Amino acid sequence: MIEPRDRPSTRSPKERRGARPRRAAVAALAAVAALALVALQGCGGEGWEPDPGKRQGSGVNGRIEFSVESTAPLAVGANTFHVRLTWLDSRSPVQRIKLRVYSTMLGMRHESVHDAVEIEPGLYEVANVPFSMTGTYDMQFRALASSLVDEAEFSFEVY
């Protein structure tokens, strides 16, 4: 059997001469791009602050306002969130509803699902949400009764 490198080249001598410098240029460009990506991520330089984990917004169905707050600055490991749910029409707390939270890391297969516990009227706690590595996580908050009542999605940066 003929190995690919043992086959004669179908390219002209002129094309073969230019291939090595082009490969070197592509490799150098890839190295510069990797360094630029690391520089853009911040690396904990001066002025860097962790994401405090506070978000607020109306649900997509326009029925509930979601106020999400991490109990500590977001970090790799287990994180806990407090979620206050308020009816938009009456401004009263959303009580005795099931709150399910879906956490997904963008571009990876890091996913988890958590059920919140109501700790006081309209205030729910979502404990032990794992962030396994630094990056952007999307969290979807779904308020459920016998069916979906409302939902909101927020992105969080973990450093």
Protein backbone atom coordinates (compact mmCIF):
# COMPACT_ATOMS: atom_id res chain seq x y z
CA MET A 1 0.00 0.00 0.00
CA ILE A 2 1.30 3.45 -0.89
CA GLU A 3 1.36 5.93 1.97
CA PRO A 4 0.07 9.45 1.16
CA ARG A 5 3.53 10.93 1.56
CA ASP A 6 5.02 8.31 -0.81
CA ARG A 7 2.74 9.31 -3.67
CA PRO A 8 4.18 11.69 -6.21
CA SER A 9 2.94 15.22 -5.91
CA THR A 10 0.40 16.44 -8.42
CA ARG A 11 1.42 20.04 -7.80
CA SER A 12 3.91 21.84 -9.98
CA PRO A 13 7.41 22.55 -8.64
CA LYS A 14 6.44 26.22 -8.34
CA GLU A 15 3.42 25.34 -6.14
CA ARG A 16 5.56 23.01 -3.97
CA ARG A 17 8.14 25.75 -3.35
CA GLY A 18 5.48 28.15 -2.00
CA ALA A 19 3.73 25.63 0.26
CA ARG A 20 6.25 25.68 3.13
CA PRO A 21 6.32 29.48 3.57
CA ARG A 22 2.50 29.59 3.43
CA ARG A 23 2.23 26.92 6.15
CA ALA A 24 4.66 28.87 8.33
CA ALA A 25 2.69 32.07 7.80
CA VAL A 26 -0.59 30.34 8.70
CA ALA A 27 0.99 28.86 11.85
CA ALA A 28 2.34 32.28 12.87
CA LEU A 29 -1.06 33.88 12.28
CA ALA A 30 -2.75 31.19 14.40
CA ALA A 31 -0.29 31.85 17.25
CA VAL A 32 -0.96 35.60 17.12
CA ALA A 33 -4.72 34.97 17.12
CA ALA A 34 -4.41 32.70 20.17
CA LEU A 35 -2.42 35.36 22.06
CA ALA A 36 -4.97 38.02 21.14
CA LEU A 37 -7.79 35.81 22.43
CA VAL A 38 -6.00 35.34 25.76
CA ALA A 39 -5.45 39.11 26.02
CA LEU A 40 -9.14 39.83 25.33
CA GLN A 41 -10.25 37.45 28.09
CA GLY A 42 -8.70 39.73 30.65
CA CYS A 43 -6.49 37.30 32.59
CA GLY A 44 -7.33 39.06 35.84
CA GLY A 45 -5.52 42.28 35.04
CA GLU A 46 -6.10 45.62 36.72
CA GLY A 47 -9.67 46.83 36.60
CA TRP A 48 -11.02 43.28 36.34
CA GLU A 49 -14.01 42.54 38.55
CA PRO A 50 -15.99 39.32 38.77
CA ASP A 51 -19.56 39.23 37.51
CA PRO A 52 -21.72 40.05 40.58
CA GLY A 53 -24.50 37.87 39.15
CA LYS A 54 -27.33 40.43 39.26
CA ARG A 55 -29.90 40.48 36.46
CA GLN A 56 -33.45 41.74 36.13
CA GLY A 57 -36.00 41.53 33.37
CA SER A 58 -39.52 40.71 32.31
CA GLY A 59 -40.38 37.24 31.13
CA VAL A 60 -40.98 36.54 27.46
CA ASN A 61 -44.73 36.13 28.10
CA GLY A 62 -44.88 39.49 29.90
CA ARG A 63 -46.44 38.11 33.06
CA ILE A 64 -43.56 37.94 35.58
CA GLU A 65 -40.57 40.10 36.45
CA PHE A 66 -37.46 38.06 37.26
CA SER A 67 -34.85 39.56 39.62
CA VAL A 68 -31.85 37.25 39.88
CA GLU A 69 -28.98 37.78 42.31
CA SER A 70 -26.05 35.55 43.13
CA THR A 71 -25.35 35.23 46.86
CA ALA A 72 -21.62 35.76 46.11
CA PRO A 73 -19.60 36.89 43.08
CA LEU A 74 -19.74 34.20 40.41
CA ALA A 75 -16.87 31.74 40.39
CA VAL A 76 -15.92 28.28 39.17
CA GLY A 77 -17.61 25.75 41.44
CA ALA A 78 -21.04 25.67 43.09
CA ASN A 79 -23.02 28.93 43.03
CA THR A 80 -26.29 29.92 44.73
CA PHE A 81 -28.86 32.34 43.34
CA HIS A 82 -31.85 34.12 44.86
CA VAL A 83 -34.67 34.77 42.41
CA ARG A 84 -37.48 37.18 43.24
CA LEU A 85 -40.61 36.69 41.12
CA THR A 86 -43.19 39.48 40.88
CA TRP A 87 -46.42 39.58 38.88
CA LEU A 88 -46.08 42.47 36.41
CA ASP A 89 -49.76 43.45 36.52
CA SER A 90 -50.19 43.60 40.32
CA ARG A 91 -46.56 43.87 41.55
CA SER A 92 -47.38 41.18 44.13
CA PRO A 93 -45.00 38.26 44.79
CA VAL A 94 -45.39 35.09 42.74
CA GLN A 95 -45.95 32.44 45.40
CA ARG A 96 -46.15 28.65 45.45
CA ILE A 97 -45.00 28.20 41.87
CA LYS A 98 -42.40 25.77 40.59
CA LEU A 99 -39.22 27.51 39.43
CA ARG A 100 -36.90 25.40 37.31
CA VAL A 101 -33.48 26.67 36.23
CA TYR A 102 -31.48 25.41 33.25
CA SER A 103 -27.80 26.32 33.11
CA THR A 104 -25.78 25.83 29.90
CA MET A 105 -22.25 26.85 29.03
CA LEU A 106 -22.12 28.32 25.56
CA GLY A 107 -20.15 26.22 23.12
CA MET A 108 -19.77 23.29 25.51
CA ARG A 109 -21.98 20.49 26.76
CA HIS A 110 -21.97 21.68 30.37
CA GLU A 111 -25.64 21.59 31.29
CA SER A 112 -27.52 21.30 34.57
CA VAL A 113 -31.14 21.54 35.72
CA HIS A 114 -32.19 22.75 39.17
CA ASP A 115 -35.46 23.21 41.01
CA ALA A 116 -35.67 26.26 43.24
CA VAL A 117 -37.05 26.29 46.77
CA GLU A 118 -39.33 29.12 47.94
CA ILE A 119 -37.65 30.57 51.06
CA GLU A 120 -40.16 33.38 51.59
CA PRO A 121 -43.18 34.63 49.60
CA GLY A 122 -41.94 35.31 46.07
CA LEU A 123 -38.25 34.64 46.87
CA TYR A 124 -36.73 31.42 45.58
CA GLU A 125 -33.29 29.91 46.13
CA VAL A 126 -31.41 27.91 43.51
CA ALA A 127 -28.47 26.19 45.20
CA ASN A 128 -25.40 24.36 43.94
CA VAL A 129 -25.44 25.55 40.33
CA PRO A 130 -22.14 24.21 38.99
CA PHE A 131 -19.90 26.35 36.82
CA SER A 132 -17.20 23.88 35.87
CA MET A 133 -14.91 26.30 34.06
CA THR A 134 -14.55 29.96 33.14
CA GLY A 135 -16.70 31.30 30.34
CA THR A 136 -20.21 32.44 29.48
CA TYR A 137 -23.19 30.58 30.90
CA ASP A 138 -26.79 31.01 29.81
CA MET A 139 -29.36 30.45 32.53
CA GLN A 140 -33.01 30.00 31.72
CA PHE A 141 -35.53 30.54 34.53
CA ARG A 142 -38.94 28.92 33.99
CA ALA A 143 -41.90 29.63 36.25
CA LEU A 144 -44.26 26.67 36.02
CA ALA A 145 -47.75 25.97 37.35
CA SER A 146 -49.64 23.21 35.55
CA SER A 147 -47.93 24.58 32.41
CA LEU A 148 -45.38 27.26 31.56
CA VAL A 149 -46.38 30.61 33.06
CA ASP A 150 -43.34 32.67 32.04
CA GLU A 151 -39.61 32.40 31.49
CA ALA A 152 -36.54 34.60 31.26
CA GLU A 153 -32.96 33.98 30.14
CA PHE A 154 -29.81 35.73 31.33
CA SER A 155 -26.11 35.29 30.52
CA PHE A 156 -23.41 35.29 33.18
CA GLU A 157 -19.63 35.54 32.88
CA VAL A 158 -17.54 33.30 35.14
CA TYR A 159 -13.83 34.10 35.54
